[in-house]
Amino acid sequence: MAKLPILILPDPVLRKVATPIATIDKRIRKLSEDMLETMYDAPGVGLAAPQIGVTERIIVADPANEEGAEPQPMVLINPEIVGSSEETKVWEEGCLSIPDYVEDVIRPASVRVAYTDLEGEAREVEADGLLAVILQHEIDHLNGVLFIDYLSRLKRERVVKKFTKQAKLAAAGGDEPEMI
């Protein structure tokens, strides 16, 4: 397994729509292992392939990582939200690709997600609470959507501007400014 670098806003790969995975092979299994290791090391509760520069439809998640409980790693290939509740919930979200920034986001309180597992079997999972938020957040990544897209235009523009400035400073070899 290998820890992979996580792309940071404004990297354009984060805005690309990921392509479906046609074959679950050794490469995809290795990718899922590397993604889990990267997520746990970050530490995070979810990670989508575009966040590590791979524009394929695979996500990993483990809501237990937030709570310090026994690990419950999940690998979802070609996940798709096939149902969601009308009831919504406000969650404070952050993102490994937008470090040290959190904001309240309104999402459906529960979702049903269809996906393929590592054995190539079609599966569905019903999720609420933290797992529902993780799945929605990571599936958004596969569609080129970031959680800041749910914020007001003003808040979103401030975040993008700050991270764009940091990226330019880092590329020029300058000191990185304080995080927001």
N, C-alpha and C. Protein backbone atom coordinates (compact mmCIF):
# COMPACT_ATOMS: atom_id res chain seq x y z
N MET A 1 0.85 -1.18 0.00
CA MET A 1 0.00 0.00 0.00
C MET A 1 0.89 1.24 0.00
N ALA A 2 0.32 2.33 -0.51
CA ALA A 2 1.07 3.57 -0.59
C ALA A 2 0.18 4.75 -0.27
N LYS A 3 0.72 5.70 0.49
CA LYS A 3 0.01 6.94 0.73
C LYS A 3 0.21 7.82 -0.49
N LEU A 4 -0.88 8.38 -0.98
CA LEU A 4 -0.84 9.17 -2.19
C LEU A 4 -1.04 10.65 -1.87
N PRO A 5 -0.46 11.54 -2.69
CA PRO A 5 -0.68 12.97 -2.45
C PRO A 5 -2.13 13.35 -2.77
N ILE A 6 -2.68 14.20 -1.94
CA ILE A 6 -4.06 14.67 -2.12
C ILE A 6 -4.02 16.03 -2.82
N LEU A 7 -4.80 16.14 -3.90
CA LEU A 7 -4.87 17.39 -4.64
C LEU A 7 -5.62 18.43 -3.82
N ILE A 8 -5.17 19.68 -3.93
CA ILE A 8 -5.75 20.78 -3.18
C ILE A 8 -6.38 21.78 -4.15
N LEU A 9 -7.51 22.34 -3.74
CA LEU A 9 -8.15 23.42 -4.48
C LEU A 9 -7.08 24.47 -4.79
N PRO A 10 -6.95 24.99 -5.99
CA PRO A 10 -7.85 24.98 -7.14
C PRO A 10 -7.47 23.97 -8.23
N ASP A 11 -6.82 22.87 -7.89
CA ASP A 11 -6.40 21.92 -8.91
C ASP A 11 -7.57 21.58 -9.83
N PRO A 12 -7.40 21.73 -11.15
CA PRO A 12 -8.51 21.53 -12.08
C PRO A 12 -9.03 20.10 -12.14
N VAL A 13 -8.25 19.12 -11.73
CA VAL A 13 -8.72 17.73 -11.72
C VAL A 13 -9.92 17.58 -10.79
N LEU A 14 -9.97 18.40 -9.74
CA LEU A 14 -11.08 18.33 -8.79
C LEU A 14 -12.42 18.71 -9.42
N ARG A 15 -12.39 19.36 -10.57
CA ARG A 15 -13.62 19.78 -11.24
C ARG A 15 -13.99 18.88 -12.41
N LYS A 16 -13.20 17.83 -12.65
CA LYS A 16 -13.49 16.92 -13.76
C LYS A 16 -14.50 15.86 -13.33
N VAL A 17 -15.33 15.45 -14.27
CA VAL A 17 -16.28 14.36 -14.03
C VAL A 17 -15.53 13.05 -14.27
N ALA A 18 -15.57 12.17 -13.28
CA ALA A 18 -14.85 10.90 -13.36
C ALA A 18 -15.56 9.92 -14.29
N THR A 19 -14.77 9.06 -14.92
CA THR A 19 -15.32 8.07 -15.85
C THR A 19 -15.61 6.75 -15.13
N PRO A 20 -16.65 6.03 -15.57
CA PRO A 20 -16.98 4.74 -14.95
C PRO A 20 -15.84 3.74 -15.09
N ILE A 21 -15.77 2.85 -14.14
CA ILE A 21 -14.79 1.76 -14.16
C ILE A 21 -15.46 0.56 -14.80
N ALA A 22 -14.87 0.06 -15.88
CA ALA A 22 -15.46 -1.05 -16.63
C ALA A 22 -15.04 -2.41 -16.06
N THR A 23 -13.80 -2.51 -15.59
CA THR A 23 -13.27 -3.79 -15.13
C THR A 23 -12.63 -3.62 -13.76
N ILE A 24 -13.01 -4.49 -12.84
CA ILE A 24 -12.39 -4.49 -11.52
C ILE A 24 -11.25 -5.49 -11.55
N ASP A 25 -10.04 -4.96 -11.60
CA ASP A 25 -8.86 -5.81 -11.73
C ASP A 25 -7.87 -5.50 -10.61
N LYS A 26 -6.70 -6.04 -10.75
CA LYS A 26 -5.64 -5.86 -9.76
C LYS A 26 -5.32 -4.38 -9.54
N ARG A 27 -5.32 -3.60 -10.62
CA ARG A 27 -5.02 -2.17 -10.52
C ARG A 27 -6.07 -1.46 -9.66
N ILE A 28 -7.34 -1.78 -9.86
CA ILE A 28 -8.41 -1.14 -9.09
C ILE A 28 -8.34 -1.57 -7.62
N ARG A 29 -8.04 -2.83 -7.38
CA ARG A 29 -7.90 -3.30 -5.98
C ARG A 29 -6.75 -2.59 -5.28
N LYS A 30 -5.62 -2.42 -5.99
CA LYS A 30 -4.46 -1.71 -5.43
C LYS A 30 -4.82 -0.24 -5.20
N LEU A 31 -5.51 0.36 -6.16
CA LEU A 31 -5.94 1.75 -6.02
C LEU A 31 -6.81 1.90 -4.77
N SER A 32 -7.74 0.99 -4.55
CA SER A 32 -8.63 1.09 -3.39
C SER A 32 -7.83 0.96 -2.09
N GLU A 33 -6.85 0.07 -2.04
CA GLU A 33 -6.00 -0.06 -0.86
C GLU A 33 -5.22 1.22 -0.60
N ASP A 34 -4.65 1.78 -1.65
CA ASP A 34 -3.88 3.02 -1.52
C ASP A 34 -4.77 4.17 -1.08
N MET A 35 -5.99 4.20 -1.62
CA MET A 35 -6.92 5.27 -1.24
C MET A 35 -7.31 5.15 0.24
N LEU A 36 -7.55 3.93 0.71
CA LEU A 36 -7.88 3.75 2.13
C LEU A 36 -6.71 4.18 3.01
N GLU A 37 -5.50 3.78 2.65
CA GLU A 37 -4.33 4.17 3.44
C GLU A 37 -4.18 5.69 3.45
N THR A 38 -4.38 6.31 2.31
CA THR A 38 -4.28 7.77 2.21
C THR A 38 -5.34 8.45 3.07
N MET A 39 -6.58 7.94 3.01
CA MET A 39 -7.68 8.50 3.80
C MET A 39 -7.39 8.38 5.29
N TYR A 40 -6.97 7.19 5.74
CA TYR A 40 -6.69 7.00 7.17
C TYR A 40 -5.54 7.88 7.63
N ASP A 41 -4.53 8.04 6.78
CA ASP A 41 -3.35 8.82 7.15
C ASP A 41 -3.68 10.31 7.24
N ALA A 42 -4.65 10.79 6.47
CA ALA A 42 -4.91 12.22 6.34
C ALA A 42 -5.18 12.98 7.65
N PRO A 43 -5.95 12.59 8.60
CA PRO A 43 -6.98 11.55 8.60
C PRO A 43 -8.30 12.10 8.07
N GLY A 44 -9.04 11.21 7.42
CA GLY A 44 -10.34 11.59 6.91
C GLY A 44 -11.31 10.44 7.03
N VAL A 45 -12.56 10.68 6.62
CA VAL A 45 -13.59 9.66 6.69
C VAL A 45 -14.05 9.24 5.30
N GLY A 46 -13.54 9.91 4.28
CA GLY A 46 -13.89 9.56 2.90
C GLY A 46 -12.86 10.14 1.95
N LEU A 47 -12.76 9.50 0.77
CA LEU A 47 -11.83 9.98 -0.25
C LEU A 47 -12.34 9.50 -1.61
N ALA A 48 -12.33 10.40 -2.57
CA ALA A 48 -12.72 10.07 -3.94
C ALA A 48 -11.48 10.08 -4.82
N ALA A 49 -11.47 9.20 -5.83
CA ALA A 49 -10.30 9.08 -6.71
C ALA A 49 -9.84 10.41 -7.31
N PRO A 50 -10.73 11.31 -7.73
CA PRO A 50 -10.23 12.58 -8.29
C PRO A 50 -9.36 13.37 -7.30
N GLN A 51 -9.56 13.16 -6.01
CA GLN A 51 -8.76 13.87 -5.01
C GLN A 51 -7.29 13.44 -5.03
N ILE A 52 -7.02 12.28 -5.63
CA ILE A 52 -5.63 11.84 -5.76
C ILE A 52 -5.21 11.85 -7.23
N GLY A 53 -5.98 12.56 -8.05
CA GLY A 53 -5.61 12.73 -9.45
C GLY A 53 -6.05 11.63 -10.39
N VAL A 54 -6.93 10.74 -9.92
CA VAL A 54 -7.42 9.63 -10.75
C VAL A 54 -8.87 9.93 -11.10
N THR A 55 -9.17 10.13 -12.36
CA THR A 55 -10.53 10.50 -12.75
C THR A 55 -11.36 9.26 -13.11
N GLU A 56 -11.47 8.38 -12.12
CA GLU A 56 -12.30 7.18 -12.25
C GLU A 56 -13.28 7.16 -11.08
N ARG A 57 -14.40 6.47 -11.27
CA ARG A 57 -15.50 6.51 -10.31
C ARG A 57 -15.31 5.46 -9.20
N ILE A 58 -14.48 5.82 -8.24
CA ILE A 58 -14.27 4.97 -7.06
C ILE A 58 -14.10 5.87 -5.84
N ILE A 59 -14.77 5.48 -4.75
CA ILE A 59 -14.63 6.20 -3.49
C ILE A 59 -14.37 5.19 -2.38
N VAL A 60 -13.76 5.69 -1.32
CA VAL A 60 -13.59 4.90 -0.10
C VAL A 60 -14.16 5.71 1.05
N ALA A 61 -14.61 5.01 2.08
CA ALA A 61 -15.21 5.69 3.22
C ALA A 61 -15.05 4.83 4.47
N ASP A 62 -15.03 5.50 5.61
CA ASP A 62 -15.06 4.82 6.89
C ASP A 62 -15.54 5.80 7.96
N PRO A 63 -16.85 5.82 8.23
CA PRO A 63 -17.36 6.76 9.24
C PRO A 63 -16.81 6.48 10.63
N ALA A 64 -16.36 5.28 10.89
CA ALA A 64 -15.81 4.95 12.21
C ALA A 64 -14.50 5.69 12.45
N ASN A 65 -13.81 6.12 11.41
CA ASN A 65 -12.53 6.83 11.57
C ASN A 65 -12.72 8.13 12.34
N GLU A 66 -13.88 8.77 12.19
CA GLU A 66 -14.17 10.01 12.91
C GLU A 66 -14.42 9.72 14.38
N GLU A 67 -15.03 8.60 14.67
CA GLU A 67 -15.44 8.29 16.03
C GLU A 67 -14.40 7.48 16.80
N GLY A 68 -13.32 7.07 16.12
CA GLY A 68 -12.28 6.30 16.78
C GLY A 68 -12.70 4.87 17.09
N ALA A 69 -13.74 4.39 16.44
CA ALA A 69 -14.23 3.03 16.66
C ALA A 69 -13.47 2.04 15.77
N GLU A 70 -13.86 0.79 15.85
CA GLU A 70 -13.28 -0.25 15.00
C GLU A 70 -13.45 0.14 13.53
N PRO A 71 -12.40 0.06 12.72
CA PRO A 71 -12.51 0.45 11.31
C PRO A 71 -13.60 -0.33 10.57
N GLN A 72 -14.30 0.39 9.69
CA GLN A 72 -15.35 -0.17 8.84
C GLN A 72 -15.13 0.32 7.42
N PRO A 73 -14.00 -0.05 6.80
CA PRO A 73 -13.69 0.49 5.47
C PRO A 73 -14.69 0.03 4.42
N MET A 74 -15.04 0.97 3.54
CA MET A 74 -15.96 0.69 2.44
C MET A 74 -15.28 1.12 1.14
N VAL A 75 -15.44 0.33 0.10
CA VAL A 75 -14.96 0.68 -1.24
C VAL A 75 -16.18 0.60 -2.15
N LEU A 76 -16.49 1.70 -2.81
CA LEU A 76 -17.65 1.76 -3.70
C LEU A 76 -17.18 2.14 -5.10
N ILE A 77 -17.44 1.26 -6.04
CA ILE A 77 -17.06 1.48 -7.43
C ILE A 77 -18.31 1.88 -8.21
N ASN A 78 -18.19 2.91 -9.01
CA ASN A 78 -19.31 3.45 -9.79
C ASN A 78 -20.54 3.72 -8.92
N PRO A 79 -20.35 4.39 -7.76
CA PRO A 79 -21.50 4.65 -6.89
C PRO A 79 -22.45 5.67 -7.50
N GLU A 80 -23.72 5.47 -7.20
CA GLU A 80 -24.76 6.37 -7.71
C GLU A 80 -25.85 6.48 -6.67
N ILE A 81 -26.26 7.70 -6.38
CA ILE A 81 -27.37 7.91 -5.45
C ILE A 81 -28.65 7.58 -6.21
N VAL A 82 -29.38 6.57 -5.72
CA VAL A 82 -30.61 6.14 -6.39
C VAL A 82 -31.86 6.52 -5.61
N GLY A 83 -31.67 7.10 -4.45
CA GLY A 83 -32.80 7.57 -3.66
C GLY A 83 -32.31 8.45 -2.53
N SER A 84 -33.12 9.43 -2.16
CA SER A 84 -32.75 10.28 -1.03
C SER A 84 -34.02 10.78 -0.34
N SER A 85 -33.87 11.06 0.93
CA SER A 85 -35.01 11.52 1.72
C SER A 85 -35.34 12.97 1.37
N GLU A 86 -36.59 13.32 1.59
CA GLU A 86 -36.97 14.73 1.46
C GLU A 86 -36.49 15.50 2.67
N GLU A 87 -36.39 14.79 3.79
CA GLU A 87 -35.89 15.41 5.01
C GLU A 87 -34.42 15.78 4.81
N THR A 88 -34.05 16.96 5.28
CA THR A 88 -32.65 17.40 5.16
C THR A 88 -32.04 17.56 6.53
N LYS A 89 -30.74 17.66 6.53
CA LYS A 89 -29.98 17.84 7.76
C LYS A 89 -28.81 18.77 7.46
N VAL A 90 -28.45 19.59 8.43
CA VAL A 90 -27.29 20.46 8.30
C VAL A 90 -26.11 19.77 8.95
N TRP A 91 -25.01 19.66 8.18
CA TRP A 91 -23.79 19.04 8.70
C TRP A 91 -22.63 20.00 8.50
N GLU A 92 -21.73 20.03 9.45
CA GLU A 92 -20.49 20.79 9.28
C GLU A 92 -19.54 19.90 8.49
N GLU A 93 -19.22 20.33 7.27
CA GLU A 93 -18.37 19.54 6.39
C GLU A 93 -17.03 20.21 6.19
N GLY A 94 -16.05 19.36 5.96
CA GLY A 94 -14.72 19.77 5.56
C GLY A 94 -14.31 18.87 4.42
N CYS A 95 -13.12 19.09 3.90
CA CYS A 95 -12.66 18.30 2.76
C CYS A 95 -11.14 18.22 2.79
N LEU A 96 -10.62 17.04 2.51
CA LEU A 96 -9.16 16.87 2.47
C LEU A 96 -8.54 17.71 1.36
N SER A 97 -9.31 18.06 0.35
CA SER A 97 -8.80 18.89 -0.75
C SER A 97 -8.98 20.39 -0.50
N ILE A 98 -9.63 20.72 0.61
CA ILE A 98 -9.79 22.12 1.03
C ILE A 98 -9.43 22.15 2.52
N PRO A 99 -8.16 21.94 2.85
CA PRO A 99 -7.76 21.74 4.24
C PRO A 99 -8.07 22.93 5.15
N ASP A 100 -8.40 22.59 6.38
CA ASP A 100 -8.61 23.57 7.44
C ASP A 100 -9.75 24.54 7.17
N TYR A 101 -10.73 24.10 6.40
CA TYR A 101 -11.90 24.93 6.14
C TYR A 101 -13.14 24.06 6.33
N VAL A 102 -14.06 24.50 7.18
CA VAL A 102 -15.32 23.79 7.39
C VAL A 102 -16.46 24.79 7.28
N GLU A 103 -17.60 24.25 6.89
CA GLU A 103 -18.79 25.09 6.72
C GLU A 103 -20.01 24.19 6.82
N ASP A 104 -21.13 24.77 7.25
CA ASP A 104 -22.39 24.03 7.31
C ASP A 104 -22.95 23.83 5.90
N VAL A 105 -23.39 22.59 5.61
CA VAL A 105 -23.98 22.25 4.32
C VAL A 105 -25.30 21.52 4.59
N ILE A 106 -26.30 21.84 3.80
CA ILE A 106 -27.60 21.17 3.91
C ILE A 106 -27.65 20.06 2.86
N ARG A 107 -27.92 18.85 3.31
CA ARG A 107 -28.02 17.69 2.41
C ARG A 107 -29.21 16.83 2.84
N PRO A 108 -29.67 15.93 1.95
CA PRO A 108 -30.68 14.96 2.37
C PRO A 108 -30.19 14.18 3.60
N ALA A 109 -31.08 13.92 4.53
CA ALA A 109 -30.72 13.23 5.77
C ALA A 109 -30.36 11.77 5.54
N SER A 110 -30.92 11.15 4.51
CA SER A 110 -30.58 9.76 4.21
C SER A 110 -30.56 9.56 2.70
N VAL A 111 -29.78 8.56 2.28
CA VAL A 111 -29.66 8.25 0.85
C VAL A 111 -29.57 6.74 0.66
N ARG A 112 -29.91 6.32 -0.54
CA ARG A 112 -29.70 4.93 -0.96
C ARG A 112 -28.72 5.00 -2.14
N VAL A 113 -27.63 4.25 -2.02
CA VAL A 113 -26.56 4.31 -3.02
C VAL A 113 -26.36 2.92 -3.62
N ALA A 114 -26.40 2.86 -4.95
CA ALA A 114 -26.09 1.63 -5.68
C ALA A 114 -24.62 1.72 -6.10
N TYR A 115 -23.91 0.58 -6.03
CA TYR A 115 -22.50 0.56 -6.38
C TYR A 115 -22.09 -0.87 -6.69
N THR A 116 -20.86 -1.00 -7.15
CA THR A 116 -20.26 -2.31 -7.37
C THR A 116 -19.17 -2.49 -6.34
N ASP A 117 -19.08 -3.68 -5.74
CA ASP A 117 -18.01 -3.93 -4.77
C ASP A 117 -16.76 -4.48 -5.47
N LEU A 118 -15.72 -4.73 -4.71
CA LEU A 118 -14.45 -5.18 -5.29
C LEU A 118 -14.53 -6.57 -5.92
N GLU A 119 -15.58 -7.33 -5.62
CA GLU A 119 -15.76 -8.65 -6.23
C GLU A 119 -16.60 -8.54 -7.51
N GLY A 120 -17.01 -7.33 -7.86
CA GLY A 120 -17.81 -7.14 -9.07
C GLY A 120 -19.30 -7.33 -8.85
N GLU A 121 -19.71 -7.44 -7.59
CA GLU A 121 -21.13 -7.65 -7.27
C GLU A 121 -21.85 -6.31 -7.14
N ALA A 122 -23.07 -6.24 -7.69
CA ALA A 122 -23.91 -5.06 -7.53
C ALA A 122 -24.45 -5.03 -6.10
N ARG A 123 -24.36 -3.88 -5.48
CA ARG A 123 -24.80 -3.72 -4.08
C ARG A 123 -25.58 -2.42 -3.94
N GLU A 124 -26.29 -2.33 -2.83
CA GLU A 124 -26.94 -1.08 -2.43
C GLU A 124 -26.72 -0.90 -0.95
N VAL A 125 -26.60 0.35 -0.54
CA VAL A 125 -26.48 0.65 0.88
C VAL A 125 -27.44 1.79 1.20
N GLU A 126 -28.15 1.62 2.32
CA GLU A 126 -29.01 2.68 2.85
C GLU A 126 -28.18 3.37 3.91
N ALA A 127 -28.10 4.68 3.84
CA ALA A 127 -27.25 5.40 4.78
C ALA A 127 -27.96 6.62 5.34
N ASP A 128 -27.72 6.86 6.61
CA ASP A 128 -28.16 8.11 7.22
C ASP A 128 -27.03 8.61 8.11
N GLY A 129 -27.23 9.72 8.75
CA GLY A 129 -26.20 10.26 9.61
C GLY A 129 -24.91 10.56 8.86
N LEU A 130 -23.80 10.34 9.55
CA LEU A 130 -22.49 10.67 8.98
C LEU A 130 -22.21 9.91 7.68
N LEU A 131 -22.58 8.63 7.60
CA LEU A 131 -22.33 7.88 6.38
C LEU A 131 -23.06 8.49 5.18
N ALA A 132 -24.28 8.96 5.38
CA ALA A 132 -25.02 9.60 4.29
C ALA A 132 -24.28 10.85 3.79
N VAL A 133 -23.75 11.62 4.72
CA VAL A 133 -23.01 12.83 4.35
C VAL A 133 -21.74 12.46 3.58
N ILE A 134 -21.01 11.48 4.09
CA ILE A 134 -19.77 11.05 3.43
C ILE A 134 -20.05 10.60 2.00
N LEU A 135 -21.04 9.73 1.84
CA LEU A 135 -21.33 9.21 0.50
C LEU A 135 -21.73 10.32 -0.47
N GLN A 136 -22.58 11.23 -0.02
CA GLN A 136 -22.99 12.35 -0.88
C GLN A 136 -21.79 13.23 -1.23
N HIS A 137 -20.96 13.53 -0.25
CA HIS A 137 -19.78 14.37 -0.45
C HIS A 137 -18.82 13.74 -1.45
N GLU A 138 -18.54 12.45 -1.27
CA GLU A 138 -17.57 11.78 -2.16
C GLU A 138 -18.14 11.55 -3.56
N ILE A 139 -19.42 11.23 -3.67
CA ILE A 139 -20.03 11.08 -5.00
C ILE A 139 -20.03 12.43 -5.71
N ASP A 140 -20.24 13.51 -4.97
CA ASP A 140 -20.11 14.84 -5.57
C ASP A 140 -18.73 15.01 -6.21
N HIS A 141 -17.68 14.57 -5.51
CA HIS A 141 -16.32 14.67 -6.08
C HIS A 141 -16.24 13.98 -7.44
N LEU A 142 -16.90 12.84 -7.57
CA LEU A 142 -16.86 12.10 -8.84
C LEU A 142 -17.53 12.89 -9.96
N ASN A 143 -18.37 13.84 -9.59
CA ASN A 143 -19.08 14.65 -10.56
C ASN A 143 -18.49 16.06 -10.69
N GLY A 144 -17.31 16.26 -10.12
CA GLY A 144 -16.65 17.56 -10.22
C GLY A 144 -17.25 18.62 -9.32
N VAL A 145 -17.98 18.19 -8.29
CA VAL A 145 -18.65 19.11 -7.37
C VAL A 145 -17.93 19.08 -6.03
N LEU A 146 -17.70 20.26 -5.45
CA LEU A 146 -17.07 20.37 -4.14
C LEU A 146 -18.10 20.89 -3.14
N PHE A 147 -17.88 20.61 -1.85
CA PHE A 147 -18.88 21.03 -0.86
C PHE A 147 -19.04 22.55 -0.83
N ILE A 148 -18.03 23.27 -1.24
CA ILE A 148 -18.16 24.73 -1.25
C ILE A 148 -19.17 25.20 -2.30
N ASP A 149 -19.52 24.33 -3.24
CA ASP A 149 -20.52 24.68 -4.25
C ASP A 149 -21.91 24.83 -3.64
N TYR A 150 -22.10 24.35 -2.41
CA TYR A 150 -23.37 24.47 -1.71
C TYR A 150 -23.45 25.75 -0.88
N LEU A 151 -22.36 26.51 -0.84
CA LEU A 151 -22.31 27.74 -0.07
C LEU A 151 -22.77 28.91 -0.91
N SER A 152 -22.94 30.05 -0.27
CA SER A 152 -23.28 31.26 -1.02
C SER A 152 -22.13 31.58 -1.98
N ARG A 153 -22.46 32.31 -3.03
CA ARG A 153 -21.44 32.67 -4.02
C ARG A 153 -20.29 33.44 -3.37
N LEU A 154 -20.61 34.33 -2.46
CA LEU A 154 -19.59 35.14 -1.80
C LEU A 154 -18.62 34.27 -0.99
N LYS A 155 -19.16 33.35 -0.19
CA LYS A 155 -18.29 32.46 0.60
C LYS A 155 -17.43 31.59 -0.31
N ARG A 156 -18.06 31.03 -1.33
CA ARG A 156 -17.34 30.16 -2.27
C ARG A 156 -16.19 30.92 -2.95
N GLU A 157 -16.48 32.12 -3.43
CA GLU A 157 -15.45 32.92 -4.11
C GLU A 157 -14.30 33.27 -3.18
N ARG A 158 -14.60 33.55 -1.91
CA ARG A 158 -13.53 33.86 -0.94
C ARG A 158 -12.62 32.66 -0.74
N VAL A 159 -13.21 31.47 -0.61
CA VAL A 159 -12.42 30.26 -0.41
C VAL A 159 -11.56 29.98 -1.64
N VAL A 160 -12.15 30.04 -2.81
CA VAL A 160 -11.40 29.76 -4.05
C VAL A 160 -10.27 30.77 -4.21
N LYS A 161 -10.54 32.03 -3.94
CA LYS A 161 -9.51 33.08 -4.07
C LYS A 161 -8.35 32.80 -3.11
N LYS A 162 -8.66 32.45 -1.88
CA LYS A 162 -7.62 32.20 -0.88
C LYS A 162 -6.75 31.00 -1.30
N PHE A 163 -7.38 29.92 -1.73
CA PHE A 163 -6.62 28.74 -2.12
C PHE A 163 -5.86 28.96 -3.43
N THR A 164 -6.40 29.75 -4.32
CA THR A 164 -5.69 30.07 -5.57
C THR A 164 -4.44 30.87 -5.25
N LYS A 165 -4.56 31.82 -4.34
CA LYS A 165 -3.42 32.63 -3.92
C LYS A 165 -2.35 31.74 -3.27
N GLN A 166 -2.78 30.82 -2.41
CA GLN A 166 -1.82 29.91 -1.77
C GLN A 166 -1.11 29.05 -2.79
N ALA A 167 -1.84 28.56 -3.80
CA ALA A 167 -1.24 27.72 -4.83
C ALA A 167 -0.21 28.50 -5.63
N LYS A 168 -0.50 29.77 -5.95
CA LYS A 168 0.45 30.60 -6.69
C LYS A 168 1.70 30.86 -5.87
N LEU A 169 1.52 31.14 -4.59
CA LEU A 169 2.68 31.37 -3.72
C LEU A 169 3.53 30.11 -3.60
N ALA A 170 2.88 28.97 -3.45
CA ALA A 170 3.62 27.70 -3.33
C ALA A 170 4.37 27.41 -4.61
N ALA A 171 3.74 27.66 -5.77
CA ALA A 171 4.38 27.40 -7.06
C ALA A 171 5.57 28.31 -7.29
N ALA A 172 5.50 29.53 -6.70
CA ALA A 172 6.60 30.48 -6.85
C ALA A 172 7.68 30.26 -5.81
N GLY A 173 7.46 29.26 -4.93
CA GLY A 173 8.45 28.95 -3.89
C GLY A 173 8.37 29.87 -2.70
N GLY A 174 7.28 30.61 -2.60
CA GLY A 174 7.11 31.54 -1.46
C GLY A 174 6.56 30.83 -0.25
N ASP A 175 6.54 31.54 0.85
CA ASP A 175 5.96 30.99 2.08
C ASP A 175 4.45 30.87 1.90
N GLU A 176 3.92 29.81 2.46
CA GLU A 176 2.48 29.63 2.40
C GLU A 176 1.82 30.50 3.46
N PRO A 177 0.79 31.24 3.09
CA PRO A 177 0.09 32.08 4.07
C PRO A 177 -0.71 31.22 5.04
N GLU A 178 -1.17 31.85 6.10
CA GLU A 178 -2.00 31.14 7.07
C GLU A 178 -3.25 30.60 6.40
N MET A 179 -3.67 29.44 6.87
CA MET A 179 -4.92 28.84 6.36
C MET A 179 -6.09 29.61 6.93
N ILE A 180 -7.21 29.55 6.23
CA ILE A 180 -8.41 30.24 6.71
C ILE A 180 -9.09 29.41 7.76
